[in-house]
Protein backbone atom coordinates (compact mmCIF):
# COMPACT_ATOMS: atom_id res chain seq x y z
CA MET A 1 21.58 -1.65 22.19
CA SER A 2 17.87 -2.17 21.58
CA PHE A 3 15.69 -0.28 19.13
CA THR A 4 12.35 -0.63 17.37
CA VAL A 5 11.73 -0.10 13.67
CA LEU A 6 8.36 1.37 12.70
CA VAL A 7 7.23 1.17 9.08
CA PRO A 8 4.41 3.57 8.15
CA ALA A 9 2.25 2.09 5.40
CA ARG A 10 -0.61 3.96 3.75
CA LEU A 11 -2.74 2.13 1.20
CA ALA A 12 -3.75 5.22 -0.77
CA SER A 13 -1.17 6.41 -3.30
CA THR A 14 -1.84 8.77 -6.19
CA ARG A 15 1.00 7.50 -8.38
CA LEU A 16 0.88 3.83 -7.40
CA PRO A 17 -2.47 2.72 -5.88
CA GLY A 18 -2.20 -0.07 -3.30
CA LYS A 19 1.57 0.40 -3.13
CA PRO A 20 2.23 -1.39 0.22
CA LEU A 21 0.61 -4.56 -1.16
CA ALA A 22 2.36 -4.52 -4.54
CA ASP A 23 3.86 -7.95 -5.23
CA ILE A 24 7.65 -8.19 -5.18
CA ALA A 25 8.94 -11.71 -5.87
CA GLY A 26 5.89 -13.30 -4.24
CA LEU A 27 5.60 -11.05 -1.18
CA PRO A 28 3.85 -7.71 -0.55
CA MET A 29 6.24 -4.76 -0.65
CA VAL A 30 5.57 -3.82 2.99
CA VAL A 31 6.62 -7.35 4.02
CA ARG A 32 9.83 -7.03 2.00
CA VAL A 33 10.55 -3.75 3.78
CA ALA A 34 9.91 -5.31 7.19
CA GLN A 35 12.23 -8.21 6.38
CA ARG A 36 15.05 -5.87 5.37
CA ALA A 37 14.51 -3.80 8.51
CA ALA A 38 14.58 -6.92 10.70
CA ALA A 39 18.05 -7.74 9.34
CA SER A 40 19.31 -4.57 11.08
CA GLY A 41 19.16 -6.35 14.44
CA ALA A 42 16.15 -4.37 15.66
CA ALA A 43 14.42 -5.76 18.74
CA ARG A 44 11.19 -5.67 16.76
CA VAL A 45 9.77 -4.35 13.51
CA VAL A 46 6.19 -3.09 13.47
CA VAL A 47 4.17 -1.86 10.50
CA ALA A 48 1.94 1.14 11.28
CA ALA A 49 -0.89 0.62 8.80
CA ASP A 50 -3.98 2.60 7.87
CA ASP A 51 -6.00 -0.29 6.41
CA ASP A 52 -7.05 -3.78 7.53
CA ARG A 53 -5.80 -5.23 4.24
CA ILE A 54 -2.24 -4.27 5.18
CA LEU A 55 -2.68 -5.82 8.62
CA TYR A 56 -3.94 -9.04 7.01
CA ALA A 57 -0.99 -9.18 4.59
CA CYS A 58 1.47 -8.66 7.44
CA ALA A 59 -0.19 -11.31 9.63
CA ARG A 60 -0.01 -13.85 6.80
CA HIS A 61 3.76 -13.46 6.69
CA GLY A 62 4.53 -13.15 10.39
CA VAL A 63 5.06 -9.39 10.49
CA GLN A 64 3.73 -7.46 13.49
CA ALA A 65 1.41 -4.56 12.59
CA VAL A 66 -0.87 -2.06 14.31
CA LEU A 67 -3.85 -0.23 12.84
CA THR A 68 -3.62 3.57 12.95
CA ARG A 69 -6.02 6.30 11.89
CA GLN A 70 -6.51 7.00 8.19
CA ASP A 71 -6.52 10.80 8.50
CA HIS A 72 -2.94 11.41 9.62
CA PRO A 73 -1.37 14.30 7.67
CA SER A 74 2.10 12.72 7.65
CA GLY A 75 4.05 9.55 8.37
CA SER A 76 5.44 11.12 11.55
CA ASP A 77 1.92 11.57 12.93
CA ARG A 78 1.18 7.92 12.13
CA LEU A 79 4.34 6.80 13.94
CA ALA A 80 3.49 8.96 16.95
CA GLU A 81 0.19 7.10 17.29
CA ALA A 82 1.99 3.77 16.87
CA CYS A 83 4.36 4.68 19.72
CA THR A 84 1.35 5.18 21.98
CA LEU A 85 -0.35 1.98 20.83
CA LEU A 86 2.83 0.00 21.52
CA GLY A 87 3.43 1.65 24.89
CA LEU A 88 7.01 2.61 24.06
CA ASP A 89 9.01 4.26 26.84
CA GLY A 90 10.11 7.86 26.32
CA GLU A 91 13.79 6.95 25.94
CA ASP A 92 13.16 4.03 23.57
CA ILE A 93 14.79 4.52 20.19
CA VAL A 94 12.53 4.25 17.17
CA VAL A 95 13.75 4.13 13.57
CA ASN A 96 11.36 5.19 10.82
CA VAL A 97 11.81 3.07 7.70
CA GLN A 98 9.45 4.11 4.92
CA GLY A 99 7.08 1.44 3.64
CA ASP A 100 8.23 1.94 0.05
CA GLU A 101 11.93 1.17 0.67
CA PRO A 102 12.29 -2.57 -0.06
CA LEU A 103 16.01 -2.08 -0.83
CA ILE A 104 16.88 -0.25 2.40
CA ASP A 105 20.30 -1.19 3.75
CA PRO A 106 19.88 -2.93 7.14
CA ALA A 107 23.29 -1.65 8.27
CA LEU A 108 22.19 1.93 7.61
CA VAL A 109 19.12 1.42 9.81
CA ARG A 110 21.32 0.23 12.65
CA HIS A 111 23.85 3.03 12.18
CA CYS A 112 21.12 5.64 12.64
CA ALA A 113 19.87 3.97 15.82
CA GLU A 114 23.40 3.67 17.24
CA LEU A 115 24.18 7.29 16.39
CA LEU A 116 21.14 8.59 18.26
CA ALA A 117 21.95 6.40 21.26
CA ALA A 118 25.41 7.97 21.39
CA ARG A 119 24.29 11.58 20.82
CA THR A 120 22.42 12.77 23.90
CA ASP A 121 22.61 16.33 22.51
CA CYS A 122 20.26 15.38 19.66
CA VAL A 123 16.59 14.36 19.54
CA MET A 124 16.90 12.68 16.14
CA ALA A 125 19.42 11.05 13.84
CA THR A 126 19.37 10.70 10.08
CA ALA A 127 21.79 9.94 7.24
CA ALA A 128 23.38 11.48 4.17
CA HIS A 129 25.90 10.61 1.47
CA ALA A 130 28.17 12.61 -0.81
CA ILE A 131 26.74 13.93 -4.06
CA THR A 132 28.93 13.11 -7.06
CA ASP A 133 26.52 13.99 -9.88
CA LEU A 134 25.92 17.59 -10.93
CA ALA A 135 22.31 16.85 -11.90
CA ASP A 136 21.59 15.64 -8.35
CA TYR A 137 23.18 18.78 -6.93
CA THR A 138 20.93 21.06 -8.96
CA SER A 139 17.73 18.99 -8.76
CA PRO A 140 14.98 20.25 -6.41
CA HIS A 141 13.91 16.62 -6.01
CA VAL A 142 17.21 15.84 -4.25
CA VAL A 143 17.28 17.19 -0.69
CA LYS A 144 20.64 18.52 0.50
CA VAL A 145 21.90 18.90 4.06
CA LEU A 146 24.66 21.04 5.52
CA LEU A 147 26.44 19.97 8.72
CA ASP A 148 28.14 21.75 11.61
CA ALA A 149 31.49 20.73 13.12
CA ALA A 150 29.79 18.09 15.29
CA GLN A 151 28.02 16.49 12.30
CA ARG A 152 24.64 17.89 13.21
CA ALA A 153 22.28 19.24 10.56
CA LEU A 154 22.46 22.99 10.05
CA ILE A 155 19.83 23.14 7.30
CA PHE A 156 17.99 20.95 4.80
CA SER A 157 17.05 22.38 1.43
CA ARG A 158 16.05 21.51 -2.12
CA ALA A 159 18.38 24.26 -3.35
CA PRO A 160 21.99 23.58 -4.40
CA LEU A 161 23.92 23.70 -1.13
CA PRO A 162 26.54 24.74 -0.32
CA TRP A 163 26.51 27.61 -2.82
CA TRP A 164 29.97 28.06 -4.31
CA ARG A 165 30.15 31.83 -4.64
CA ASP A 166 33.20 32.02 -6.90
CA GLY A 167 32.68 28.78 -8.80
CA HIS A 168 29.03 29.48 -9.57
CA ALA A 169 29.42 33.12 -10.57
CA GLN A 170 28.93 32.20 -14.25
CA GLY A 171 26.42 29.41 -13.59
CA ILE A 172 26.55 25.95 -12.06
CA SER A 173 28.99 23.83 -14.05
CA ALA A 174 30.81 21.96 -11.27
CA LEU A 175 30.31 20.71 -7.72
CA PRO A 176 31.70 22.79 -4.85
CA PRO A 177 35.04 21.32 -3.72
CA GLN A 178 34.66 22.05 0.01
CA PRO A 179 32.53 21.16 1.83
CA ALA A 180 31.31 18.35 -0.38
CA PRO A 181 27.56 18.60 -1.04
CA LEU A 182 25.52 15.95 0.77
CA ARG A 183 22.30 14.26 -0.24
CA HIS A 184 19.91 13.64 2.61
CA ILE A 185 18.63 10.09 3.05
CA GLY A 186 15.06 9.97 4.36
CA LEU A 187 15.72 7.61 7.26
CA TYR A 188 15.13 8.84 10.82
CA ALA A 189 15.80 7.65 14.34
CA TYR A 190 13.88 9.29 17.22
CA ARG A 191 13.47 8.93 20.93
CA ALA A 192 9.88 7.86 21.46
CA ALA A 193 9.03 10.82 23.73
CA PHE A 194 10.11 13.31 21.07
CA LEU A 195 8.30 11.43 18.32
CA ARG A 196 5.06 11.44 20.31
CA GLY A 197 5.39 15.18 20.85
CA PHE A 198 6.42 16.07 17.31
CA PRO A 199 2.87 16.47 15.92
CA THR A 200 2.15 19.09 18.60
CA LEU A 201 4.96 21.37 17.34
CA PRO A 202 3.57 24.14 15.12
CA PRO A 203 4.66 23.74 11.48
CA ALA A 204 7.55 26.03 10.54
CA PRO A 205 7.32 28.57 7.70
CA LEU A 206 10.53 27.19 6.18
CA GLU A 207 9.12 23.66 6.40
CA GLN A 208 6.03 24.75 4.48
CA CYS A 209 8.09 26.65 1.90
CA GLU A 210 10.46 23.73 1.17
CA SER A 211 7.92 20.97 1.93
CA LEU A 212 10.45 19.29 4.23
CA GLU A 213 9.05 18.13 7.57
CA GLN A 214 12.46 17.75 9.21
CA LEU A 215 12.91 21.53 9.11
CA ARG A 216 10.29 21.79 11.86
CA VAL A 217 12.74 20.10 14.24
CA LEU A 218 15.49 22.64 13.54
CA TRP A 219 13.08 25.57 13.54
CA HIS A 220 12.08 24.79 17.12
CA GLY A 221 15.70 24.63 18.29
CA HIS A 222 16.27 20.87 18.38
CA ARG A 223 19.28 19.09 16.91
CA ILE A 224 19.60 16.24 14.42
CA ALA A 225 22.75 14.08 14.23
CA VAL A 226 23.76 12.93 10.74
CA HIS A 227 25.43 9.64 9.84
CA LEU A 228 27.59 9.84 6.70
CA ALA A 229 27.02 6.77 4.56
CA ALA A 230 29.64 5.56 2.11
CA GLN A 231 27.11 5.28 -0.70
CA ALA A 232 23.50 5.90 -1.63
CA PRO A 233 20.92 3.34 -0.50
CA GLY A 234 18.68 1.56 -2.97
CA ALA A 235 16.03 3.88 -4.35
CA GLY A 236 12.46 3.71 -3.09
CA VAL A 237 9.27 2.95 -5.01
CA ASP A 238 7.10 5.89 -6.09
CA THR A 239 6.05 4.98 -9.62
CA PRO A 240 5.25 1.87 -11.71
CA GLU A 241 8.70 2.25 -13.27
CA ASP A 242 10.32 2.15 -9.82
CA LEU A 243 8.34 -0.98 -9.00
CA ALA A 244 9.51 -2.70 -12.18
CA ARG A 245 13.12 -1.85 -11.36
CA VAL A 246 12.85 -3.27 -7.82
CA ARG A 247 11.14 -6.42 -9.07
CA ALA A 248 14.01 -6.92 -11.51
CA TRP A 249 16.52 -6.52 -8.65
CA PHE A 250 14.81 -9.23 -6.60
CA GLU A 251 14.68 -11.55 -9.62
CA LYS A 252 18.47 -11.28 -9.98
CA THR A 253 19.36 -11.30 -6.27
CA PRO A 254 19.13 -14.45 -4.12
CA VAL A 255 16.77 -13.88 -1.20
CA ALA A 256 16.52 -16.11 1.85
CA PRO A 257 13.18 -17.99 2.06
CA GLU A 258 10.60 -17.05 4.66
CA PRO A 259 11.05 -18.78 8.04
């Protein structure tokens, strides 16, 4: 099968200014992300940038990039414009890999694309993995997802889900035994036609309450297939501490040289 990876990259960042261009073992972070995404077997990987400096950095290292508007309210809006700029067909599969995920698992990217290709009942595919840590289960910073019998998303929430009525009667001291709680992984596959139309869907009240954009899809009656990963992917980069951790990983891990 053929699919395209789009990497939204925005230069402005409140916690880590200039994040897409942060150096990781001699290469800008956005280039590292594109290289990992390319290892998924994607037909092409394109960075959707909001600044000429990102385009220049990508061009220097042989990564395709397009310039999008700076005023997009979300990464999905930026990708929708990129779909139009690239002339993608409505049935083309597009995988959104965030520009701050230099440790993304290439196999996970491909699994999401393959899942969407197989699930004609769904407009999107995403991924999740089992939660094994109680702190993750209770944290509002960890997004949970519940699935139906066909492994489609029923709901996404920052709340502890599922709620174990009997086990949590005296407070949360253990994970629910069945169904196992799942942590959502922020990786998405779309059909290009749906992605282009997504920004025209009115925001959902639940989306605004939880600050989770994917809830807009469910609110409007669409379905999202969910791939269950065996383990959590490498964490993304949001803070200087995250960047230091990723740099240390690349220092210890052999990386193939640039072609």
